[in-house]
Amino acid sequence: LQNVRIDPSSISFQMWKDIPVPFYLSVHFFEVLNPKQVLRGEKPVLRQRGPYVYREYRVKTNITFHDNDTVSYLEYRHLFFQPDLSNGTEDEYIVVPNIMLMGAAVMVEKLPDFVKLLLSGALASLKQEAFMNRTVGEIMWGYEDPLIDAINMIIPGLLPFKGKFGLFMDFNNSNSGLFTVNTGMSNISQVHMVDSWNGLKKVNYWRSSQCNMINGTAGEMWPPFMSPTSLQFYSPDACRSLTLVYEQAGQFQGVPTFRFVAPKTLFANGTDYPPNEGFCPCMQSGIQNVSTCRLNAPMFISHPHFYNADPSLVDAVEGLHPSKEQHGLFLDVHPMTGIPMNCSIKLQLNLYIKHVSGIIQTGQIKPVVLPLLWFAESGSIEGSVLKQFYTNLVLLPSVLEYVQYILLGLSVPLLVSAAFLVARRK
């Protein structure tokens, strides 16, 4: 118990502070093969590109212990492209929706016509089109776009940034917020459980107190002596707490594990799963509207390839092939210590696109939730850390148990002999 607390003297502290597990971020893009036809109202045809793989390093800073048995910290992520693990380079071009244009069009749909007229004129003068051909690096890490300044001029405050836009700009060399978690010093069952995030006990993105709750851990470790039921963690990337459910017991490199997976209800809409009503306004089951935590842009998250989603989402485009093996997320956790041994957390980012009256650049696009990309953050314990883990938590307990039975076996004849001698003396 002492060794799984967040305490500088515990064995697991260094593992918590500087995670020894090599993490990788694998990104798959969806290229639109028929952009001109989509503008005429036809079904989008997609082709998956990648993966583009990045080695991910996580570093905790500003570690501060508090008197109430909590500790706060910032964890920074640093990503480095891995050409040898990737199927392609960051210099490759991919045709994707013009995210700024299509997102802004939907965002201004209900504004007065003169606003849409001004936006449409700005798009024309800047020669902006509904689809763009940009490199992987530009889409990931940002590109200069005069449209950003034009939108800020026409609709002040619509975008809280200037000049440059990229889907992963805030992901690299940045932190995921100030986490304050329990150390487990006074109550081991609360170790790693989140006390607050950015000073908040709950978020305000959603429409119900239940959906706004910050539950579980920060997603790195869990309390020891886990039961085969469920686990929770707060994900700043998903803007919510996620609950995974127990699937089966297994082993990873000889170490016993519990596997936890996403339930079908994770991204279900409020009709199919009433507790999720607070995440609405909803569309089909299997996609979650995250516009309230993504600058009100029409963005949705889901499982990759709309796995576990309403079949109509898959049918609305061509090129998706959902499967549990490739697109289901999982966590393999050592139940005694609550330490993950092997994991792959997968999410897909989607953009809702449609024809918007008054924005001529949107052509006759039919409403569709269009997949942009999906990514997996994966890691597993290996090398000397795995060897130490196996020795201390599998091999040594097995040897001690074996010795126990030997001693028990030896003790039986000794007890019989002792009883015989006592009886003879009497």
Protein backbone atom coordinates (compact mmCIF):
# COMPACT_ATOMS: atom_id res chain seq x y z
CA LEU A 1 0.00 0.00 0.00
CA GLN A 2 2.85 2.36 0.84
CA ASN A 3 4.47 1.75 -2.53
CA VAL A 4 1.46 2.77 -4.67
CA ARG A 5 0.90 6.08 -2.93
CA ILE A 6 2.02 9.30 -4.59
CA ASP A 7 4.88 9.88 -2.21
CA PRO A 8 8.55 10.60 -3.03
CA SER A 9 9.57 7.63 -0.85
CA SER A 10 7.32 5.11 -2.64
CA ILE A 11 8.54 2.75 -5.34
CA SER A 12 5.89 3.87 -7.83
CA PHE A 13 6.54 7.61 -7.40
CA GLN A 14 9.30 7.79 -10.01
CA MET A 15 7.12 5.80 -12.43
CA TRP A 16 4.30 8.30 -11.86
CA LYS A 17 6.59 11.33 -12.15
CA ASP A 18 8.51 10.23 -15.26
CA ILE A 19 6.40 7.63 -17.01
CA PRO A 20 8.83 4.97 -18.33
CA VAL A 21 6.34 3.62 -20.85
CA PRO A 22 7.09 4.62 -24.47
CA PHE A 23 3.93 6.26 -25.80
CA TYR A 24 3.14 6.71 -29.48
CA LEU A 25 0.56 8.87 -31.23
CA SER A 26 -0.60 7.34 -34.52
CA VAL A 27 -2.69 9.60 -36.77
CA HIS A 28 -4.78 8.41 -39.73
CA PHE A 29 -6.24 11.03 -42.10
CA PHE A 30 -9.27 10.63 -44.33
CA GLU A 31 -8.62 12.01 -47.80
CA VAL A 32 -11.63 13.14 -49.84
CA LEU A 33 -11.27 11.58 -53.29
CA ASN A 34 -14.22 13.35 -54.97
CA PRO A 35 -14.40 16.96 -53.66
CA LYS A 36 -16.04 18.37 -56.81
CA GLN A 37 -18.79 15.74 -56.69
CA VAL A 38 -19.38 16.42 -52.98
CA LEU A 39 -19.96 20.09 -53.85
CA ARG A 40 -22.66 18.91 -56.25
CA GLY A 41 -24.41 16.97 -53.49
CA GLU A 42 -22.91 13.52 -54.01
CA LYS A 43 -21.73 11.14 -51.29
CA PRO A 44 -18.12 11.72 -50.10
CA VAL A 45 -15.65 8.98 -51.02
CA LEU A 46 -12.85 8.64 -48.47
CA ARG A 47 -9.47 6.95 -48.39
CA GLN A 48 -7.56 6.41 -45.17
CA ARG A 49 -3.97 7.69 -45.20
CA GLY A 50 -1.21 6.93 -42.72
CA PRO A 51 -0.50 6.16 -40.01
CA TYR A 52 1.74 9.12 -39.26
CA VAL A 53 3.45 8.08 -36.03
CA TYR A 54 4.92 10.31 -33.32
CA ARG A 55 6.91 9.33 -30.26
CA GLU A 56 5.29 10.98 -27.29
CA TYR A 57 7.18 12.09 -24.19
CA ARG A 58 5.31 13.18 -21.09
CA VAL A 59 6.95 15.31 -18.41
CA LYS A 60 5.38 16.43 -15.13
CA THR A 61 6.33 19.86 -13.84
CA ASN A 62 5.20 22.19 -11.03
CA ILE A 63 4.64 19.17 -8.75
CA THR A 64 3.22 20.66 -5.54
CA PHE A 65 2.05 18.68 -2.50
CA HIS A 66 -0.80 20.11 -0.41
CA ASP A 67 -1.86 19.64 3.22
CA ASN A 68 -5.11 17.88 2.28
CA ASP A 69 -3.32 14.81 0.84
CA THR A 70 -3.44 16.04 -2.75
CA VAL A 71 -0.76 16.93 -5.26
CA SER A 72 -1.05 19.23 -8.26
CA TYR A 73 1.03 19.16 -11.44
CA LEU A 74 1.22 20.14 -15.09
CA GLU A 75 2.04 17.40 -17.59
CA TYR A 76 3.58 18.46 -20.89
CA ARG A 77 3.49 16.39 -24.07
CA HIS A 78 6.28 16.54 -26.64
CA LEU A 79 5.84 14.77 -30.00
CA PHE A 80 8.55 13.72 -32.45
CA PHE A 81 7.78 12.31 -35.90
CA GLN A 82 8.92 8.72 -36.48
CA PRO A 83 9.51 8.16 -40.24
CA ASP A 84 10.47 4.50 -39.77
CA LEU A 85 7.13 3.70 -38.09
CA SER A 86 5.00 5.82 -40.44
CA ASN A 87 3.35 5.07 -43.75
CA GLY A 88 4.17 8.40 -45.37
CA THR A 89 5.83 11.70 -44.49
CA GLU A 90 4.65 15.03 -43.10
CA ASP A 91 5.33 16.61 -46.51
CA GLU A 92 2.63 14.58 -48.26
CA TYR A 93 -0.42 16.45 -49.55
CA ILE A 94 -3.95 15.40 -48.60
CA VAL A 95 -7.29 16.76 -49.81
CA VAL A 96 -9.49 17.51 -46.79
CA PRO A 97 -12.35 19.89 -46.04
CA ASN A 98 -11.38 23.53 -45.55
CA ILE A 99 -12.06 23.25 -41.83
CA MET A 100 -12.07 26.99 -41.18
CA LEU A 101 -14.43 27.72 -44.09
CA MET A 102 -16.88 24.87 -43.53
CA GLY A 103 -16.87 25.36 -39.77
CA ALA A 104 -17.46 29.11 -40.04
CA ALA A 105 -20.28 28.57 -42.55
CA VAL A 106 -22.23 26.36 -40.14
CA MET A 107 -21.44 28.67 -37.23
CA VAL A 108 -22.95 31.74 -38.99
CA GLU A 109 -25.93 29.89 -40.50
CA LYS A 110 -28.41 31.50 -38.11
CA LEU A 111 -26.89 34.98 -38.23
CA PRO A 112 -28.39 37.77 -40.38
CA ASP A 113 -28.00 37.47 -44.16
CA PHE A 114 -25.70 40.50 -44.42
CA VAL A 115 -23.15 38.71 -42.17
CA LYS A 116 -23.21 35.68 -44.45
CA LEU A 117 -22.89 37.98 -47.45
CA LEU A 118 -19.81 39.63 -45.96
CA LEU A 119 -18.28 36.23 -45.14
CA SER A 120 -19.00 34.88 -48.62
CA GLY A 121 -17.39 37.97 -50.17
CA ALA A 122 -14.32 37.58 -47.97
CA LEU A 123 -14.03 33.93 -48.96
CA ALA A 124 -14.22 34.84 -52.63
CA SER A 125 -11.62 37.62 -52.37
CA LEU A 126 -9.26 35.27 -50.52
CA LYS A 127 -9.94 32.53 -53.12
CA GLN A 128 -11.07 30.12 -50.42
CA GLU A 129 -12.71 26.87 -51.49
CA ALA A 130 -14.66 24.21 -49.59
CA PHE A 131 -11.82 21.70 -49.88
CA MET A 132 -8.09 22.28 -49.56
CA ASN A 133 -4.95 20.40 -50.53
CA ARG A 134 -2.40 20.73 -47.71
CA THR A 135 0.47 18.76 -46.24
CA VAL A 136 0.13 16.49 -43.23
CA GLY A 137 2.44 18.80 -41.29
CA GLU A 138 0.30 21.86 -42.08
CA ILE A 139 -2.94 20.17 -41.05
CA MET A 140 -1.33 18.85 -37.86
CA TRP A 141 0.77 21.76 -36.64
CA GLY A 142 -0.72 24.78 -38.39
CA TYR A 143 -0.66 26.94 -41.50
CA GLU A 144 -1.01 30.65 -42.04
CA ASP A 145 -4.55 31.43 -43.13
CA PRO A 146 -5.74 35.01 -43.90
CA LEU A 147 -9.29 33.72 -43.48
CA ILE A 148 -8.77 33.75 -39.71
CA ASP A 149 -8.18 37.49 -39.61
CA ALA A 150 -11.06 38.08 -42.05
CA ILE A 151 -13.47 36.13 -39.83
CA ASN A 152 -12.28 38.00 -36.75
CA MET A 153 -12.89 41.29 -38.57
CA ILE A 154 -16.40 40.37 -39.76
CA ILE A 155 -17.51 38.60 -36.57
CA PRO A 156 -15.35 39.80 -33.66
CA GLY A 157 -14.84 37.19 -30.97
CA LEU A 158 -15.88 34.21 -33.10
CA LEU A 159 -12.32 32.84 -33.09
CA PRO A 160 -10.04 33.30 -30.05
CA PHE A 161 -6.82 32.97 -32.07
CA LYS A 162 -5.04 34.76 -34.90
CA GLY A 163 -3.09 33.98 -38.03
CA LYS A 164 -2.42 30.26 -37.80
CA PHE A 165 -4.59 27.14 -37.54
CA GLY A 166 -3.78 23.45 -37.04
CA LEU A 167 -5.70 20.55 -35.54
CA PHE A 168 -2.87 19.55 -33.16
CA MET A 169 -1.40 23.00 -32.48
CA ASP A 170 -2.46 22.84 -28.82
CA PHE A 171 -1.39 19.20 -28.45
CA ASN A 172 2.39 19.46 -28.85
CA ASN A 173 4.70 21.17 -26.35
CA SER A 174 1.72 22.05 -24.20
CA ASN A 175 0.03 20.76 -21.06
CA SER A 176 -3.42 19.26 -20.61
CA GLY A 177 -4.36 21.51 -17.72
CA LEU A 178 -3.55 21.69 -14.01
CA PHE A 179 -4.52 18.38 -12.41
CA THR A 180 -4.86 18.05 -8.64
CA VAL A 181 -5.14 14.41 -7.57
CA ASN A 182 -5.27 12.48 -4.31
CA THR A 183 -1.99 11.05 -3.01
CA GLY A 184 -3.63 8.16 -1.13
CA MET A 185 -1.67 8.97 2.05
CA SER A 186 -4.75 8.87 4.27
CA ASN A 187 -7.07 6.81 2.06
CA ILE A 188 -5.43 4.44 -0.41
CA SER A 189 -8.73 3.85 -2.22
CA GLN A 190 -8.60 7.48 -3.41
CA VAL A 191 -5.05 7.48 -4.77
CA HIS A 192 -4.80 9.10 -8.25
CA MET A 193 -8.46 10.19 -8.13
CA VAL A 194 -8.89 13.72 -9.51
CA ASP A 195 -9.69 16.36 -6.90
CA SER A 196 -9.86 19.22 -9.43
CA TRP A 197 -8.81 20.19 -12.96
CA ASN A 198 -7.72 23.77 -13.59
CA GLY A 199 -9.15 24.52 -10.16
CA LEU A 200 -12.58 23.19 -11.14
CA LYS A 201 -14.52 20.48 -9.35
CA LYS A 202 -16.71 20.16 -12.44
CA VAL A 203 -16.71 21.56 -15.97
CA ASN A 204 -19.42 23.72 -17.52
CA TYR A 205 -19.43 22.45 -21.10
CA TRP A 206 -22.57 20.33 -20.81
CA ARG A 207 -26.24 20.63 -19.94
CA SER A 208 -26.46 18.37 -16.89
CA SER A 209 -24.54 18.19 -13.61
CA GLN A 210 -23.89 14.49 -14.20
CA CYS A 211 -22.22 15.11 -17.57
CA ASN A 212 -20.17 17.98 -16.12
CA MET A 213 -18.73 15.86 -13.31
CA ILE A 214 -14.98 15.24 -13.20
CA ASN A 215 -14.81 11.56 -12.26
CA GLY A 216 -12.03 9.03 -11.90
CA THR A 217 -8.29 9.54 -12.32
CA ALA A 218 -6.19 11.49 -14.81
CA GLY A 219 -5.91 8.32 -16.91
CA GLU A 220 -2.40 7.24 -15.89
CA MET A 221 -2.98 4.97 -12.87
CA TRP A 222 -5.88 3.79 -10.73
CA PRO A 223 -6.31 2.78 -7.07
CA PRO A 224 -5.03 -0.72 -6.19
CA PHE A 225 -7.12 -3.86 -5.69
CA MET A 226 -9.40 -3.15 -8.64
CA SER A 227 -12.69 -4.97 -9.03
CA PRO A 228 -13.80 -6.36 -12.41
CA THR A 229 -16.51 -3.74 -12.94
CA SER A 230 -15.50 -0.40 -14.47
CA LEU A 231 -12.97 2.42 -14.35
CA GLN A 232 -13.22 6.15 -14.99
CA PHE A 233 -10.85 8.91 -16.04
CA TYR A 234 -11.16 12.55 -17.03
CA SER A 235 -10.02 13.34 -20.58
CA PRO A 236 -9.33 17.01 -21.42
CA ASP A 237 -9.19 15.98 -25.10
CA ALA A 238 -12.78 14.70 -24.92
CA CYS A 239 -13.83 17.48 -22.48
CA ARG A 240 -15.50 14.91 -20.24
CA SER A 241 -15.06 11.92 -17.97
CA LEU A 242 -15.04 8.55 -19.71
CA THR A 243 -16.22 5.28 -18.18
CA LEU A 244 -14.81 2.00 -19.46
CA VAL A 245 -16.27 -1.38 -18.52
CA TYR A 246 -14.61 -4.67 -17.63
CA GLU A 247 -14.39 -7.14 -20.51
CA GLN A 248 -12.14 -10.01 -19.43
CA ALA A 249 -9.17 -11.11 -17.37
CA GLY A 250 -5.95 -11.85 -19.19
CA GLN A 251 -2.18 -11.51 -19.13
CA PHE A 252 0.37 -9.15 -20.57
CA GLN A 253 3.85 -10.67 -20.82
CA GLY A 254 2.97 -12.98 -17.93
CA VAL A 255 1.51 -10.23 -15.72
CA PRO A 256 -2.20 -10.69 -14.85
CA THR A 257 -4.47 -7.93 -16.15
CA PHE A 258 -8.06 -6.78 -16.33
CA ARG A 259 -9.11 -5.49 -19.74
CA PHE A 260 -11.47 -2.51 -19.83
CA VAL A 261 -13.19 -1.35 -23.04
CA ALA A 262 -15.66 1.32 -24.11
CA PRO A 263 -19.33 0.40 -23.67
CA LYS A 264 -21.64 0.90 -26.64
CA THR A 265 -23.32 3.68 -24.66
CA LEU A 266 -20.14 5.82 -24.41
CA PHE A 267 -21.09 8.12 -27.31
CA ALA A 268 -24.77 7.15 -27.55
CA ASN A 269 -27.30 9.95 -27.93
CA GLY A 270 -29.86 10.91 -25.30
CA THR A 271 -32.60 8.87 -26.96
CA ASP A 272 -30.68 5.60 -26.88
CA TYR A 273 -29.08 6.32 -23.49
CA PRO A 274 -30.90 8.96 -21.38
CA PRO A 275 -27.93 9.78 -19.07
CA ASN A 276 -26.16 11.20 -22.16
CA GLU A 277 -28.92 13.73 -22.78
CA GLY A 278 -26.74 16.32 -21.09
CA PHE A 279 -24.21 16.05 -23.95
CA CYS A 280 -26.83 17.07 -26.50
CA PRO A 281 -27.90 18.62 -28.88
CA CYS A 282 -27.36 15.18 -30.34
CA MET A 283 -27.51 13.60 -33.76
CA GLN A 284 -27.21 9.86 -34.39
CA SER A 285 -25.88 7.55 -31.69
CA GLY A 286 -22.15 7.00 -31.77
CA ILE A 287 -21.04 10.61 -32.17
CA GLN A 288 -20.74 13.25 -29.47
CA ASN A 289 -21.18 16.94 -30.14
CA VAL A 290 -18.12 18.73 -28.69
CA SER A 291 -18.86 22.16 -30.16
CA THR A 292 -19.31 23.68 -26.70
CA CYS A 293 -15.68 22.93 -25.83
CA ARG A 294 -14.32 23.47 -29.36
CA LEU A 295 -15.07 27.17 -29.93
CA ASN A 296 -18.66 26.31 -31.01
CA ALA A 297 -17.31 24.76 -34.21
CA PRO A 298 -19.48 21.89 -35.55
CA MET A 299 -17.09 19.17 -34.32
CA PHE A 300 -17.96 15.66 -33.18
CA ILE A 301 -15.90 12.88 -31.62
CA SER A 302 -16.52 9.17 -32.08
CA HIS A 303 -14.79 5.84 -32.27
CA PRO A 304 -12.69 5.42 -35.46
CA HIS A 305 -14.67 4.55 -38.61
CA PHE A 306 -17.85 5.15 -36.57
CA TYR A 307 -17.35 1.85 -34.74
CA ASN A 308 -20.30 1.19 -32.39
CA ALA A 309 -22.25 4.03 -34.05
CA ASP A 310 -25.54 4.27 -35.94
CA PRO A 311 -25.05 2.49 -39.31
CA SER A 312 -26.43 5.55 -41.12
CA LEU A 313 -23.19 7.41 -40.30
CA VAL A 314 -21.12 4.76 -42.07
CA ASP A 315 -23.55 4.63 -45.00
CA ALA A 316 -23.40 8.40 -45.53
CA VAL A 317 -19.82 8.13 -46.84
CA GLU A 318 -17.80 5.54 -48.71
CA GLY A 319 -14.55 4.09 -47.47
CA LEU A 320 -15.25 3.24 -43.82
CA HIS A 321 -14.85 -0.28 -42.43
CA PRO A 322 -15.43 -0.32 -38.66
CA SER A 323 -14.11 -3.26 -36.64
CA LYS A 324 -13.48 -3.92 -32.96
CA GLU A 325 -9.94 -5.21 -33.55
CA GLN A 326 -8.76 -2.10 -35.37
CA HIS A 327 -10.97 0.63 -33.92
CA GLY A 328 -11.97 -0.41 -30.40
CA LEU A 329 -10.10 1.17 -27.48
CA PHE A 330 -8.84 -0.80 -24.48
CA LEU A 331 -6.88 -0.58 -21.23
CA ASP A 332 -5.09 -3.60 -19.73
CA VAL A 333 -4.54 -2.83 -16.04
CA HIS A 334 -2.75 -4.81 -13.35
CA PRO A 335 -5.61 -5.12 -10.82
CA MET A 336 -3.42 -5.36 -7.69
CA THR A 337 -1.58 -2.07 -8.28
CA GLY A 338 -3.90 -0.21 -10.69
CA ILE A 339 -1.00 0.34 -13.11
CA PRO A 340 -1.78 0.05 -16.87
CA MET A 341 0.38 -2.54 -18.61
CA ASN A 342 -0.88 -2.03 -22.17
CA CYS A 343 -3.30 0.49 -23.64
CA SER A 344 -4.61 2.01 -26.85
CA ILE A 345 -7.01 4.95 -26.58
CA LYS A 346 -8.57 5.77 -29.96
CA LEU A 347 -10.74 8.71 -30.98
CA GLN A 348 -12.00 10.11 -34.27
CA LEU A 349 -12.47 13.80 -35.06
CA ASN A 350 -15.39 14.65 -37.35
CA LEU A 351 -16.68 17.85 -38.97
CA TYR A 352 -20.34 18.47 -39.74
CA ILE A 353 -20.54 19.99 -43.23
CA LYS A 354 -23.54 21.16 -45.25
CA HIS A 355 -24.78 23.71 -47.76
CA VAL A 356 -25.42 27.02 -46.00
CA SER A 357 -27.68 29.48 -47.77
CA GLY A 358 -25.81 32.68 -48.59
CA ILE A 359 -22.38 31.02 -48.54
CA ILE A 360 -21.80 30.17 -52.18
CA GLN A 361 -18.59 28.24 -51.41
CA THR A 362 -20.64 25.49 -49.74
CA GLY A 363 -22.19 24.58 -53.10
CA GLN A 364 -24.89 21.93 -52.77
CA ILE A 365 -23.15 19.87 -50.09
CA LYS A 366 -25.60 17.57 -48.36
CA PRO A 367 -25.50 17.49 -44.56
CA VAL A 368 -23.00 14.87 -43.43
CA VAL A 369 -20.75 14.19 -40.45
CA LEU A 370 -17.45 13.85 -42.28
CA PRO A 371 -14.51 12.04 -40.63
CA LEU A 372 -11.34 14.14 -40.68
CA LEU A 373 -8.90 11.83 -38.89
CA TRP A 374 -8.59 9.32 -36.12
CA PHE A 375 -5.74 8.85 -33.70
CA ALA A 376 -4.53 6.29 -31.20
CA GLU A 377 -2.41 6.98 -28.13
CA SER A 378 -0.76 3.66 -27.33
CA GLY A 379 1.83 2.40 -24.89
CA SER A 380 2.94 -0.72 -23.04
CA ILE A 381 5.38 -1.47 -20.25
CA GLU A 382 8.53 -3.14 -21.59
CA GLY A 383 12.23 -3.72 -20.97
CA SER A 384 13.71 -3.45 -17.49
CA VAL A 385 10.52 -1.95 -16.05
CA LEU A 386 8.50 -4.95 -17.24
CA LYS A 387 11.14 -7.34 -15.87
CA GLN A 388 11.07 -5.61 -12.47
CA PHE A 389 7.28 -5.63 -12.51
CA TYR A 390 7.14 -9.35 -13.33
CA THR A 391 9.75 -10.24 -10.71
CA ASN A 392 8.18 -8.28 -7.85
CA LEU A 393 4.50 -8.90 -8.58
CA VAL A 394 4.40 -12.31 -10.26
CA LEU A 395 7.54 -14.36 -9.75
CA LEU A 396 8.35 -13.47 -6.13
CA PRO A 397 4.77 -13.98 -4.83
CA SER A 398 4.65 -17.34 -6.65
CA VAL A 399 7.94 -18.43 -5.04
CA LEU A 400 6.73 -17.33 -1.60
CA GLU A 401 3.49 -19.22 -2.08
CA TYR A 402 5.46 -22.31 -3.15
CA VAL A 403 7.72 -22.01 -0.09
CA GLN A 404 4.64 -21.64 2.09
CA TYR A 405 3.29 -24.96 0.87
CA ILE A 406 6.69 -26.63 1.38
CA LEU A 407 6.87 -25.36 4.95
CA LEU A 408 3.30 -26.46 5.51
CA GLY A 409 4.18 -29.89 4.15
CA LEU A 410 7.22 -30.15 6.41
CA SER A 411 5.28 -29.00 9.43
CA VAL A 412 2.78 -31.89 9.27
CA PRO A 413 5.22 -34.74 10.08
CA LEU A 414 6.92 -32.55 12.69
CA LEU A 415 3.58 -31.96 14.40
CA VAL A 416 2.77 -35.68 14.26
CA SER A 417 6.17 -36.55 15.75
CA ALA A 418 5.75 -33.98 18.49
CA ALA A 419 2.31 -35.31 19.35
CA PHE A 420 3.70 -38.88 19.42
CA LEU A 421 6.49 -37.88 21.81
CA VAL A 422 4.06 -36.10 24.10
CA ALA A 423 1.82 -39.14 24.14
CA ARG A 424 4.74 -41.46 25.03
CA ARG A 425 5.82 -39.25 27.92
CA LYS A 426 2.32 -39.41 29.32
